[in-house]
Amino acid sequence: MTTIDDVARAAGVSVSTVSYALSGKRPISASTRERIERAVRDLDYRPHAGARALASARTNVLALMAPLRVDVNVGVIMQFVTGVVTRAQTYQHDVLLLTQEDHAGVERVAAGSMVDAVIMMDVEADDPRLAILRRQRQPAVLIGLPRDTAGFSCVDLDFEQAARVAVDHLVGLGHGSIALVGSPQAVLDRHTTYAARMVRGFSEEATRAGVAAVFEPCESSHAGAVAAIDRVLLRLPDVTGIVVHNEVALPAVLATLRERGRSVPDDISVVAVCPTDVAVGQPLPLTSVDIPASSIGGVAVDMAMARLNGTQLAETRLISPVLTPRATTGPVA
């Protein structure tokens, strides 16, 4: 394995000069820097992360906490992860992915010098992980919105407004009986904030518009979607518009409506709140409010780096929702 001593010998300089050139802590002449950079390339030298941390107080690593619970859509989670990893590369940072739910892992990573900053997903209203992060020196960015945001930078889709946009689209088409098929009950019971904000926005906007409305949680499975649609039809037999905020359930929702004799969009309109690729990948391309998961992941990295560089204080940024009409919504017959 190539060492810093090998680079110094090849470049004809001292080890300390190589260290200064790599860390940027002292000015080095252009000719000397060029010899060092050539030696680094020729020898394929890669500074050890721990050594970099000692030299610059940076590890060039970000931690991403993305617990892969049984009730989350792993495909959508990975879109957030991709956004984080891709943007981190532009800052020459790697990403340490934490997928376990144990708080000990969070404390272990944040308490040491393994990472420069922490990005956390799947945020609960009173998330117990936040107390751990508040004790650490690294800045933390949340993809989500807890009850108390003090000390954290937060970014997420404005799910309350996303629900309002979906309701307004249906009401504008003349629908007076609408339903929300939402997240699994376990997600709601954990007080995961995106799910609660979606329900709140839907209920408030339906009340404001004066339309009949019901909400049904939905397990992320075919059977769960069938049961949720049957509950909607039982509670609101004349329903003509459905908002679905559950990516896994979408195919079964459409299939169940068809099996129950409800044609989409002739008898019932459907709006999905999901990433665009999920919406257009259904057998019938869905009218949808986009969840820009990759973009949100990128913004989280920008916020983390701005906090590290001292160019930004803690702030909350909610991304405005965008609805794209497609084949699954139309006026009431």
Protein backbone atom coordinates (compact mmCIF):
# COMPACT_ATOMS: atom_id res chain seq x y z
CA MET A 1 0.00 0.00 0.00
CA THR A 2 1.36 3.40 -0.98
CA THR A 3 2.15 5.70 1.95
CA ILE A 4 2.71 9.43 2.29
CA ASP A 5 6.45 8.69 2.63
CA ASP A 6 6.41 7.11 -0.84
CA VAL A 7 4.76 10.22 -2.28
CA ALA A 8 7.31 12.47 -0.56
CA ARG A 9 10.26 10.45 -1.96
CA ALA A 10 8.79 10.43 -5.49
CA ALA A 11 8.16 14.17 -5.40
CA GLY A 12 11.51 14.98 -3.78
CA VAL A 13 9.97 16.83 -0.83
CA SER A 14 9.42 16.28 2.88
CA VAL A 15 6.45 14.40 4.30
CA SER A 16 5.20 17.61 5.92
CA THR A 17 5.20 19.37 2.54
CA VAL A 18 3.05 16.61 1.07
CA SER A 19 0.70 16.91 4.05
CA TYR A 20 0.42 20.67 3.62
CA ALA A 21 -0.26 20.29 -0.11
CA LEU A 22 -3.02 17.74 0.47
CA SER A 23 -4.68 19.63 3.32
CA GLY A 24 -4.29 23.10 1.84
CA LYS A 25 -3.26 24.44 5.23
CA ARG A 26 -0.11 26.18 3.94
CA PRO A 27 0.77 27.75 0.59
CA ILE A 28 2.89 25.55 -1.65
CA SER A 29 4.64 26.74 -4.83
CA ALA A 30 2.97 25.75 -8.08
CA SER A 31 5.94 23.65 -9.26
CA THR A 32 6.13 21.75 -5.95
CA ARG A 33 2.38 21.17 -5.89
CA GLU A 34 2.54 19.85 -9.46
CA ARG A 35 5.28 17.34 -8.52
CA ILE A 36 3.26 16.18 -5.52
CA GLU A 37 0.04 15.81 -7.52
CA ARG A 38 1.91 13.86 -10.21
CA ALA A 39 3.36 11.52 -7.59
CA VAL A 40 -0.09 11.04 -6.03
CA ARG A 41 -1.52 10.08 -9.43
CA ASP A 42 1.38 7.86 -10.46
CA LEU A 43 1.40 5.99 -7.16
CA ASP A 44 -2.42 5.94 -6.82
CA TYR A 45 -2.05 7.32 -3.29
CA ARG A 46 -5.28 7.56 -1.24
CA PRO A 47 -5.01 9.35 2.10
CA HIS A 48 -6.48 7.41 5.02
CA ALA A 49 -9.80 8.85 6.20
CA GLY A 50 -8.57 9.00 9.80
CA ALA A 51 -5.44 10.86 8.77
CA ARG A 52 -7.49 13.33 6.76
CA ALA A 53 -9.70 13.87 9.76
CA LEU A 54 -6.71 14.64 11.99
CA ALA A 55 -5.25 17.02 9.43
CA SER A 56 -8.39 18.91 8.51
CA ALA A 57 -11.00 18.03 11.20
CA ARG A 58 -13.06 16.62 8.31
CA THR A 59 -13.68 13.00 7.37
CA ASN A 60 -15.35 13.72 4.02
CA VAL A 61 -18.11 11.32 5.07
CA LEU A 62 -21.79 12.05 5.71
CA ALA A 63 -24.00 9.69 7.70
CA LEU A 64 -27.46 8.93 6.30
CA MET A 65 -29.92 7.32 8.68
CA ALA A 66 -32.58 5.57 6.60
CA PRO A 67 -34.17 2.79 8.68
CA LEU A 68 -35.57 0.06 6.42
CA ARG A 69 -38.68 -0.79 8.40
CA VAL A 70 -41.13 -3.41 7.15
CA ASP A 71 -43.79 -0.76 6.53
CA VAL A 72 -41.71 1.57 4.33
CA ASN A 73 -41.40 1.51 0.55
CA VAL A 74 -37.76 0.57 0.01
CA GLY A 75 -37.90 1.68 -3.63
CA VAL A 76 -38.87 5.23 -2.68
CA ILE A 77 -36.39 5.27 0.22
CA MET A 78 -33.63 4.38 -2.25
CA GLN A 79 -34.57 7.38 -4.40
CA PHE A 80 -33.83 9.61 -1.41
CA VAL A 81 -30.59 7.68 -0.82
CA THR A 82 -29.57 8.11 -4.47
CA GLY A 83 -30.17 11.85 -4.24
CA VAL A 84 -28.00 12.09 -1.13
CA VAL A 85 -25.16 9.97 -2.54
CA THR A 86 -25.15 11.72 -5.92
CA ARG A 87 -25.05 15.22 -4.43
CA ALA A 88 -22.45 14.21 -1.82
CA GLN A 89 -20.12 13.16 -4.65
CA THR A 90 -20.10 16.74 -5.93
CA TYR A 91 -18.65 17.77 -2.55
CA GLN A 92 -16.10 14.91 -2.61
CA HIS A 93 -17.95 13.25 0.27
CA ASP A 94 -18.86 9.61 0.75
CA VAL A 95 -22.04 8.44 2.51
CA LEU A 96 -22.26 6.03 5.42
CA LEU A 97 -25.72 4.43 5.24
CA LEU A 98 -27.35 3.36 8.53
CA THR A 99 -30.41 1.18 7.99
CA GLN A 100 -30.97 -0.17 11.50
CA GLU A 101 -33.46 1.30 13.96
CA ASP A 102 -31.19 0.94 17.02
CA HIS A 103 -30.35 4.21 18.73
CA ALA A 104 -26.97 2.87 19.83
CA GLY A 105 -25.77 2.94 16.23
CA VAL A 106 -26.86 6.56 15.87
CA GLU A 107 -24.98 7.53 19.03
CA ARG A 108 -21.89 5.56 18.06
CA VAL A 109 -21.56 7.25 14.68
CA ALA A 110 -22.44 10.75 15.83
CA ALA A 111 -20.38 10.67 19.03
CA GLY A 112 -17.10 9.76 17.32
CA SER A 113 -15.20 11.38 14.48
CA MET A 114 -16.53 9.07 11.77
CA VAL A 115 -18.66 11.63 9.94
CA ASP A 116 -18.86 15.37 9.29
CA ALA A 117 -22.65 15.65 9.43
CA VAL A 118 -25.74 13.51 9.86
CA ILE A 119 -28.82 13.33 7.60
CA MET A 120 -31.84 11.57 9.10
CA MET A 121 -34.96 10.23 7.36
CA ASP A 122 -38.32 8.83 8.49
CA VAL A 123 -38.68 11.49 11.17
CA GLU A 124 -41.28 11.14 13.91
CA ALA A 125 -43.01 14.05 15.64
CA ASP A 126 -41.16 13.38 18.92
CA ASP A 127 -38.34 11.29 17.50
CA PRO A 128 -36.12 9.82 20.26
CA ARG A 129 -33.10 10.06 17.95
CA LEU A 130 -33.23 13.85 18.05
CA ALA A 131 -32.06 14.01 21.65
CA ILE A 132 -28.97 12.05 20.65
CA LEU A 133 -28.23 14.34 17.72
CA ARG A 134 -28.65 17.46 19.83
CA ARG A 135 -25.82 16.29 22.09
CA GLN A 136 -23.34 15.87 19.24
CA ARG A 137 -21.04 18.40 17.63
CA GLN A 138 -21.91 17.54 14.02
CA PRO A 139 -24.71 19.44 12.29
CA ALA A 140 -27.82 17.39 11.58
CA VAL A 141 -30.26 17.71 8.67
CA LEU A 142 -33.67 16.08 8.83
CA ILE A 143 -35.64 14.88 5.82
CA GLY A 144 -38.90 15.40 7.64
CA LEU A 145 -40.45 17.80 10.11
CA PRO A 146 -40.49 16.99 13.86
CA ARG A 147 -42.57 18.87 16.38
CA ASP A 148 -39.50 20.74 17.64
CA THR A 149 -37.08 21.76 14.88
CA ALA A 150 -34.73 23.81 17.09
CA GLY A 151 -31.11 23.29 16.11
CA PHE A 152 -31.86 21.26 12.99
CA SER A 153 -32.03 22.03 9.31
CA CYS A 154 -35.15 20.37 7.86
CA VAL A 155 -36.28 19.71 4.31
CA ASP A 156 -39.29 17.82 2.98
CA LEU A 157 -42.16 17.97 0.55
CA ASP A 158 -44.97 20.15 1.91
CA PHE A 159 -47.30 17.19 2.42
CA GLU A 160 -50.13 19.30 3.83
CA GLN A 161 -50.09 21.41 0.69
CA ALA A 162 -49.73 18.28 -1.47
CA ALA A 163 -53.00 16.99 0.00
CA ARG A 164 -54.67 20.35 -0.56
CA VAL A 165 -53.53 20.43 -4.19
CA ALA A 166 -54.93 16.91 -4.76
CA VAL A 167 -58.26 17.78 -3.12
CA ASP A 168 -58.55 21.04 -5.06
CA HIS A 169 -57.91 19.19 -8.34
CA LEU A 170 -60.74 16.77 -7.65
CA VAL A 171 -63.11 19.47 -6.39
CA GLY A 172 -62.33 21.55 -9.46
CA LEU A 173 -63.50 18.63 -11.61
CA GLY A 174 -66.80 18.54 -9.74
CA HIS A 175 -66.15 15.72 -7.30
CA GLY A 176 -68.17 16.10 -4.10
CA SER A 177 -67.36 12.78 -2.40
CA ILE A 178 -63.68 12.00 -2.00
CA ALA A 179 -61.42 9.68 0.00
CA LEU A 180 -57.80 9.46 1.07
CA VAL A 181 -56.16 6.03 1.08
CA GLY A 182 -53.05 6.66 3.11
CA SER A 183 -50.09 5.23 4.96
CA PRO A 184 -50.19 2.04 7.05
CA GLN A 185 -51.59 2.33 10.57
CA ALA A 186 -48.16 1.52 12.04
CA VAL A 187 -46.67 4.58 10.32
CA LEU A 188 -49.45 6.75 11.75
CA ASP A 189 -49.07 5.21 15.21
CA ARG A 190 -45.35 6.12 15.18
CA HIS A 191 -46.43 9.70 14.44
CA THR A 192 -44.25 9.77 11.34
CA THR A 193 -44.80 13.35 10.33
CA TYR A 194 -45.21 13.09 6.55
CA ALA A 195 -48.19 10.74 7.00
CA ALA A 196 -49.84 12.90 9.66
CA ARG A 197 -49.35 16.07 7.61
CA MET A 198 -50.94 14.40 4.59
CA VAL A 199 -54.04 13.42 6.57
CA ARG A 200 -54.30 16.87 8.16
CA GLY A 201 -54.06 18.68 4.83
CA PHE A 202 -56.65 16.39 3.23
CA SER A 203 -59.16 16.75 6.06
CA GLU A 204 -58.80 20.51 6.38
CA GLU A 205 -59.08 21.16 2.64
CA ALA A 206 -62.08 18.85 2.22
CA THR A 207 -63.82 20.67 5.09
CA ARG A 208 -62.98 24.04 3.57
CA ALA A 209 -64.34 22.93 0.18
CA GLY A 210 -67.52 21.54 1.75
CA VAL A 211 -67.22 18.04 0.27
CA ALA A 212 -67.87 14.66 1.85
CA ALA A 213 -64.58 13.01 2.72
CA VAL A 214 -63.21 9.93 4.49
CA PHE A 215 -59.70 8.75 5.33
CA GLU A 216 -58.62 5.12 5.46
CA PRO A 217 -55.14 3.89 6.44
CA CYS A 218 -53.82 1.18 4.14
CA GLU A 219 -51.33 -1.59 4.73
CA SER A 220 -48.63 -1.73 2.08
CA SER A 221 -49.81 -4.94 0.45
CA HIS A 222 -52.35 -6.21 -2.07
CA ALA A 223 -54.65 -7.44 0.71
CA GLY A 224 -54.28 -4.14 2.54
CA ALA A 225 -55.29 -2.16 -0.54
CA VAL A 226 -58.32 -4.38 -1.18
CA ALA A 227 -59.46 -3.95 2.44
CA ALA A 228 -58.94 -0.17 2.35
CA ILE A 229 -60.94 0.30 -0.86
CA ASP A 230 -63.75 -1.89 0.48
CA ARG A 231 -63.88 0.25 3.64
CA VAL A 232 -64.03 3.41 1.54
CA LEU A 233 -66.90 2.04 -0.57
CA LEU A 234 -68.75 0.98 2.57
CA ARG A 235 -68.37 4.34 4.29
CA LEU A 236 -68.84 6.51 1.19
CA PRO A 237 -70.75 4.52 -1.44
CA ASP A 238 -71.02 7.48 -3.82
CA VAL A 239 -67.31 8.30 -3.76
CA THR A 240 -66.07 9.66 -7.10
CA GLY A 241 -62.52 10.71 -6.27
CA ILE A 242 -59.69 8.98 -4.40
CA VAL A 243 -56.28 10.30 -3.34
CA VAL A 244 -53.74 7.53 -2.73
CA HIS A 245 -50.65 8.16 -0.61
CA ASN A 246 -49.24 4.64 -0.55
CA GLU A 247 -46.99 3.64 -3.45
CA VAL A 248 -47.02 -0.10 -2.78
CA ALA A 249 -50.83 -0.21 -2.74
CA LEU A 250 -51.36 1.63 -6.04
CA PRO A 251 -51.61 -1.37 -8.42
CA ALA A 252 -54.03 -3.16 -6.09
CA VAL A 253 -56.12 -0.01 -5.63
CA LEU A 254 -56.68 0.24 -9.38
CA ALA A 255 -57.34 -3.49 -9.70
CA THR A 256 -59.82 -3.50 -6.81
CA LEU A 257 -61.76 -0.55 -8.18
CA ARG A 258 -62.04 -2.37 -11.51
CA GLU A 259 -63.18 -5.57 -9.78
CA ARG A 260 -65.81 -3.60 -7.85
CA GLY A 261 -67.22 -2.24 -11.11
CA ARG A 262 -65.73 1.26 -10.76
CA SER A 263 -64.07 2.36 -13.99
CA VAL A 264 -61.14 4.81 -13.78
CA PRO A 265 -61.62 7.66 -14.64
CA ASP A 266 -65.22 7.31 -15.92
CA ASP A 267 -66.73 6.35 -12.56
CA ILE A 268 -63.98 7.36 -10.18
CA SER A 269 -60.92 9.60 -10.45
CA VAL A 270 -57.61 8.69 -8.81
CA VAL A 271 -54.78 11.01 -7.76
CA ALA A 272 -51.55 9.50 -6.45
CA VAL A 273 -49.03 11.25 -4.20
CA CYS A 274 -45.80 9.51 -5.18
CA PRO A 275 -42.63 9.89 -7.26
CA THR A 276 -43.36 10.54 -10.92
CA ASP A 277 -41.75 7.31 -12.12
CA VAL A 278 -44.10 5.33 -9.87
CA ALA A 279 -47.13 7.19 -11.22
CA VAL A 280 -46.31 6.74 -14.90
CA GLY A 281 -45.22 3.13 -14.36
CA GLN A 282 -48.74 1.95 -13.48
CA PRO A 283 -50.91 0.14 -16.07
CA LEU A 284 -52.81 3.42 -16.35
CA PRO A 285 -50.56 6.49 -15.96
CA LEU A 286 -51.77 8.24 -12.83
CA THR A 287 -52.53 11.89 -12.23
CA SER A 288 -50.03 12.59 -9.47
CA VAL A 289 -48.50 14.99 -7.02
CA ASP A 290 -44.79 14.31 -7.34
CA ILE A 291 -42.62 13.38 -4.37
CA PRO A 292 -39.23 14.61 -5.69
CA ALA A 293 -37.26 12.19 -3.52
CA SER A 294 -33.92 12.49 -5.27
CA SER A 295 -34.08 16.29 -5.34
CA ILE A 296 -34.96 16.43 -1.63
CA GLY A 297 -31.97 14.19 -0.86
CA GLY A 298 -29.75 16.59 -2.80
CA VAL A 299 -31.09 19.61 -0.92
CA ALA A 300 -30.38 17.83 2.38
CA VAL A 301 -26.72 17.46 1.39
CA ASP A 302 -26.52 21.13 0.33
CA MET A 303 -27.91 22.12 3.73
CA ALA A 304 -25.44 19.87 5.57
CA MET A 305 -22.47 21.29 3.69
CA ALA A 306 -23.67 24.86 4.22
CA ARG A 307 -23.91 24.18 7.97
CA LEU A 308 -20.40 22.67 7.93
CA ASN A 309 -18.99 25.67 6.09
CA GLY A 310 -20.74 28.14 8.36
CA THR A 311 -22.71 29.73 5.53
CA GLN A 312 -26.17 28.75 6.76
CA LEU A 313 -27.95 28.57 10.10
CA ALA A 314 -30.59 25.96 10.91
CA GLU A 315 -33.66 26.43 8.72
CA THR A 316 -36.76 24.62 7.52
CA ARG A 317 -37.44 24.30 3.79
CA LEU A 318 -40.67 22.80 2.48
CA ILE A 319 -40.78 21.94 -1.23
CA SER A 320 -43.92 23.16 -3.00
CA PRO A 321 -45.94 20.30 -4.53
CA VAL A 322 -46.63 20.03 -8.26
CA LEU A 323 -49.63 18.10 -9.66
CA THR A 324 -49.51 16.64 -13.17
CA PRO A 325 -52.86 15.58 -14.69
CA ARG A 326 -52.80 12.27 -16.54
CA ALA A 327 -55.24 9.52 -17.53
CA THR A 328 -56.86 8.81 -14.17
CA THR A 329 -58.80 11.99 -13.43
CA GLY A 330 -61.72 13.59 -15.17
CA PRO A 331 -64.98 15.47 -14.55
CA VAL A 332 -67.82 13.82 -12.72
CA ALA A 333 -70.01 11.94 -15.20
